[in-house]
């Protein structure tokens, strides 16, 4: 998954902010969501990202995969990622 052109990122003390340069809308990602976006942008699959989250945050993989799936859906709905 890759962010579409025109979406920039900035790390903050609270996670990461995505800026849709076309609309001017900002989207705040908490540190966990920011980690997922980085993993997916690095070529990991949602299942691989979920496994990494499960290991890093000591949660079960099915829950992590649901969280990753929800986040990806929200990013798609907001038009922030390439189709």
N, C-alpha and C. Protein backbone atom coordinates (compact mmCIF):
# COMPACT_ATOMS: atom_id res chain seq x y z
N UNK A 1 0.85 -1.17 0.00
CA UNK A 1 0.00 0.00 0.00
C UNK A 1 0.89 1.22 0.00
N UNK A 2 0.56 2.16 -0.86
CA UNK A 2 1.30 3.40 -0.92
C UNK A 2 0.35 4.58 -0.86
N UNK A 3 0.81 5.64 -0.23
CA UNK A 3 0.02 6.88 -0.24
C UNK A 3 0.01 7.41 -1.65
N UNK A 4 -1.09 8.01 -2.02
CA UNK A 4 -1.18 8.55 -3.38
C UNK A 4 -0.37 9.84 -3.46
N UNK A 5 0.02 10.22 -4.69
CA UNK A 5 0.71 11.50 -4.85
C UNK A 5 -0.17 12.63 -4.31
N UNK A 6 0.46 13.60 -3.68
CA UNK A 6 -0.29 14.70 -3.11
C UNK A 6 -0.65 14.50 -1.66
N UNK A 7 -0.20 13.38 -1.07
CA UNK A 7 -0.39 13.15 0.36
C UNK A 7 1.00 13.17 1.00
N UNK A 8 1.20 14.10 1.91
CA UNK A 8 2.48 14.19 2.59
C UNK A 8 2.33 13.79 4.04
N UNK A 9 3.44 13.39 4.64
CA UNK A 9 3.43 12.94 6.03
C UNK A 9 4.41 13.77 6.85
N UNK A 10 4.05 13.95 8.11
CA UNK A 10 4.92 14.62 9.06
C UNK A 10 4.79 13.90 10.39
N UNK A 11 5.93 13.50 10.93
CA UNK A 11 5.92 12.88 12.25
C UNK A 11 5.78 13.96 13.31
N UNK A 12 5.00 13.66 14.33
CA UNK A 12 4.79 14.58 15.44
C UNK A 12 5.04 13.85 16.75
N UNK A 13 4.93 14.56 17.84
CA UNK A 13 5.09 13.94 19.15
C UNK A 13 3.96 12.96 19.44
N UNK A 14 2.87 13.05 18.69
CA UNK A 14 1.68 12.24 18.94
C UNK A 14 1.44 11.18 17.88
N UNK A 15 2.37 11.00 16.95
CA UNK A 15 2.19 10.03 15.87
C UNK A 15 2.62 10.64 14.55
N UNK A 16 1.74 10.59 13.59
CA UNK A 16 2.01 11.11 12.25
C UNK A 16 0.78 11.84 11.74
N UNK A 17 1.01 12.91 11.01
CA UNK A 17 -0.07 13.64 10.37
C UNK A 17 0.04 13.42 8.87
N UNK A 18 -1.06 13.07 8.24
CA UNK A 18 -1.14 12.98 6.79
C UNK A 18 -1.85 14.24 6.29
N UNK A 19 -1.30 14.88 5.29
CA UNK A 19 -1.91 16.07 4.70
C UNK A 19 -2.31 15.75 3.28
N UNK A 20 -3.59 15.88 2.99
CA UNK A 20 -4.08 15.76 1.62
C UNK A 20 -3.91 17.15 1.00
N UNK A 21 -2.88 17.31 0.19
CA UNK A 21 -2.55 18.62 -0.36
C UNK A 21 -3.61 19.16 -1.31
N UNK A 22 -4.42 18.27 -1.89
CA UNK A 22 -5.48 18.73 -2.79
C UNK A 22 -6.63 19.38 -2.02
N UNK A 23 -7.02 18.76 -0.93
CA UNK A 23 -8.18 19.27 -0.18
C UNK A 23 -7.78 20.13 1.01
N UNK A 24 -6.53 19.98 1.47
CA UNK A 24 -6.10 20.69 2.67
C UNK A 24 -6.49 19.98 3.96
N UNK A 25 -7.06 18.78 3.85
CA UNK A 25 -7.48 18.03 5.04
C UNK A 25 -6.28 17.36 5.70
N UNK A 26 -6.29 17.37 7.03
CA UNK A 26 -5.27 16.70 7.83
C UNK A 26 -5.87 15.46 8.48
N UNK A 27 -5.06 14.43 8.62
CA UNK A 27 -5.48 13.20 9.29
C UNK A 27 -4.42 12.83 10.30
N UNK A 28 -4.79 12.77 11.57
CA UNK A 28 -3.86 12.43 12.64
C UNK A 28 -3.84 10.93 12.86
N UNK A 29 -2.66 10.33 12.78
CA UNK A 29 -2.50 8.91 13.07
C UNK A 29 -1.79 8.77 14.41
N UNK A 30 -2.32 7.93 15.27
CA UNK A 30 -1.62 7.67 16.53
C UNK A 30 -0.36 6.85 16.21
N UNK A 31 0.54 6.69 17.18
CA UNK A 31 1.79 5.97 16.88
C UNK A 31 1.59 4.56 16.32
N UNK A 32 0.57 3.86 16.77
CA UNK A 32 0.31 2.52 16.27
C UNK A 32 -0.12 2.55 14.81
N UNK A 33 -1.04 3.44 14.48
CA UNK A 33 -1.49 3.57 13.09
C UNK A 33 -0.34 4.02 12.19
N UNK A 34 0.49 4.91 12.69
CA UNK A 34 1.65 5.36 11.92
C UNK A 34 2.59 4.19 11.63
N UNK A 35 2.77 3.31 12.61
CA UNK A 35 3.61 2.13 12.42
C UNK A 35 3.03 1.23 11.34
N UNK A 36 1.72 1.04 11.36
CA UNK A 36 1.07 0.21 10.34
C UNK A 36 1.28 0.80 8.96
N UNK A 37 1.09 2.10 8.82
CA UNK A 37 1.27 2.75 7.51
C UNK A 37 2.70 2.56 7.02
N UNK A 38 3.68 2.70 7.91
CA UNK A 38 5.08 2.50 7.51
C UNK A 38 5.33 1.05 7.08
N UNK A 39 4.80 0.10 7.83
CA UNK A 39 4.97 -1.31 7.47
C UNK A 39 4.37 -1.60 6.10
N UNK A 40 3.16 -1.11 5.86
CA UNK A 40 2.50 -1.35 4.58
C UNK A 40 3.23 -0.65 3.44
N UNK A 41 3.71 0.56 3.70
CA UNK A 41 4.44 1.30 2.67
C UNK A 41 5.77 0.62 2.34
N UNK A 42 6.31 -0.12 3.29
CA UNK A 42 7.56 -0.87 3.06
C UNK A 42 7.32 -2.20 2.35
N UNK A 43 6.07 -2.47 1.98
CA UNK A 43 5.77 -3.66 1.20
C UNK A 43 5.22 -4.83 1.99
N UNK A 44 5.01 -4.65 3.28
CA UNK A 44 4.42 -5.73 4.07
C UNK A 44 2.94 -5.87 3.73
N UNK A 45 2.43 -7.08 3.82
CA UNK A 45 1.01 -7.33 3.62
C UNK A 45 0.27 -6.94 4.90
N UNK A 46 -1.05 -6.77 4.83
CA UNK A 46 -1.79 -6.51 6.06
C UNK A 46 -1.57 -7.59 7.12
N UNK A 47 -1.50 -8.86 6.70
CA UNK A 47 -1.27 -9.94 7.66
C UNK A 47 0.11 -9.82 8.30
N UNK A 48 1.11 -9.46 7.51
CA UNK A 48 2.46 -9.28 8.06
C UNK A 48 2.51 -8.08 9.01
N UNK A 49 1.82 -7.01 8.65
CA UNK A 49 1.77 -5.84 9.53
C UNK A 49 1.07 -6.21 10.84
N UNK A 50 0.01 -6.98 10.74
CA UNK A 50 -0.72 -7.41 11.95
C UNK A 50 0.17 -8.28 12.82
N UNK A 51 0.94 -9.17 12.23
CA UNK A 51 1.85 -10.03 13.00
C UNK A 51 2.89 -9.18 13.73
N UNK A 52 3.40 -8.16 13.06
CA UNK A 52 4.38 -7.26 13.69
C UNK A 52 3.74 -6.51 14.86
N UNK A 53 2.50 -6.04 14.67
CA UNK A 53 1.80 -5.34 15.75
C UNK A 53 1.57 -6.28 16.93
N UNK A 54 1.15 -7.50 16.64
CA UNK A 54 0.87 -8.46 17.70
C UNK A 54 2.12 -8.71 18.54
N UNK A 55 3.24 -8.81 17.87
CA UNK A 55 4.50 -9.04 18.59
C UNK A 55 4.93 -7.80 19.37
N UNK A 56 4.86 -6.63 18.74
CA UNK A 56 5.32 -5.39 19.38
C UNK A 56 4.44 -4.96 20.56
N UNK A 57 3.13 -5.19 20.45
CA UNK A 57 2.21 -4.65 21.44
C UNK A 57 1.52 -5.74 22.28
N UNK A 58 1.96 -6.98 22.11
CA UNK A 58 1.44 -8.09 22.90
C UNK A 58 -0.09 -8.20 22.83
N UNK A 59 -0.59 -8.20 21.59
CA UNK A 59 -2.02 -8.41 21.36
C UNK A 59 -2.16 -9.61 20.44
N UNK A 60 -3.37 -10.18 20.37
CA UNK A 60 -3.53 -11.35 19.51
C UNK A 60 -3.61 -10.92 18.05
N UNK A 61 -3.13 -11.80 17.17
CA UNK A 61 -3.07 -11.47 15.74
C UNK A 61 -4.43 -11.20 15.11
N UNK A 62 -5.49 -11.97 15.44
CA UNK A 62 -6.78 -11.65 14.82
C UNK A 62 -7.24 -10.22 15.13
N UNK A 63 -7.04 -9.79 16.37
CA UNK A 63 -7.41 -8.40 16.72
C UNK A 63 -6.55 -7.41 15.94
N UNK A 64 -5.25 -7.68 15.86
CA UNK A 64 -4.35 -6.79 15.13
C UNK A 64 -4.75 -6.71 13.65
N UNK A 65 -5.11 -7.85 13.07
CA UNK A 65 -5.51 -7.86 11.66
C UNK A 65 -6.80 -7.07 11.46
N UNK A 66 -7.75 -7.19 12.38
CA UNK A 66 -8.97 -6.37 12.28
C UNK A 66 -8.63 -4.89 12.33
N UNK A 67 -7.73 -4.51 13.23
CA UNK A 67 -7.34 -3.10 13.35
C UNK A 67 -6.65 -2.60 12.08
N UNK A 68 -5.77 -3.42 11.53
CA UNK A 68 -5.08 -3.05 10.28
C UNK A 68 -6.10 -2.91 9.16
N UNK A 69 -7.02 -3.84 9.06
CA UNK A 69 -8.04 -3.81 8.00
C UNK A 69 -8.91 -2.56 8.11
N UNK A 70 -9.30 -2.21 9.32
CA UNK A 70 -10.11 -1.00 9.54
C UNK A 70 -9.33 0.23 9.12
N UNK A 71 -8.06 0.32 9.52
CA UNK A 71 -7.24 1.48 9.17
C UNK A 71 -7.10 1.61 7.65
N UNK A 72 -6.79 0.51 6.99
CA UNK A 72 -6.64 0.55 5.53
C UNK A 72 -7.96 1.00 4.88
N UNK A 73 -9.07 0.52 5.37
CA UNK A 73 -10.37 0.94 4.85
C UNK A 73 -10.60 2.43 5.04
N UNK A 74 -10.22 2.95 6.18
CA UNK A 74 -10.38 4.38 6.44
C UNK A 74 -9.49 5.21 5.52
N UNK A 75 -8.27 4.76 5.30
CA UNK A 75 -7.36 5.48 4.40
C UNK A 75 -7.88 5.45 2.97
N UNK A 76 -8.43 4.32 2.56
CA UNK A 76 -9.02 4.22 1.21
C UNK A 76 -10.24 5.13 1.07
N UNK A 77 -11.11 5.09 2.07
CA UNK A 77 -12.30 5.94 2.03
C UNK A 77 -11.94 7.41 1.96
N UNK A 78 -10.87 7.80 2.65
CA UNK A 78 -10.43 9.19 2.63
C UNK A 78 -9.68 9.53 1.35
N UNK A 79 -9.41 8.53 0.51
CA UNK A 79 -8.70 8.77 -0.75
C UNK A 79 -7.23 9.06 -0.58
N UNK A 80 -6.62 8.53 0.47
CA UNK A 80 -5.22 8.83 0.76
C UNK A 80 -4.24 7.82 0.20
N UNK A 81 -4.74 6.68 -0.26
CA UNK A 81 -3.84 5.65 -0.78
C UNK A 81 -4.14 5.37 -2.24
N UNK A 82 -3.13 4.84 -2.92
CA UNK A 82 -3.32 4.46 -4.32
C UNK A 82 -4.29 3.28 -4.38
N UNK A 83 -5.13 3.26 -5.42
CA UNK A 83 -6.07 2.12 -5.53
C UNK A 83 -5.36 0.80 -5.75
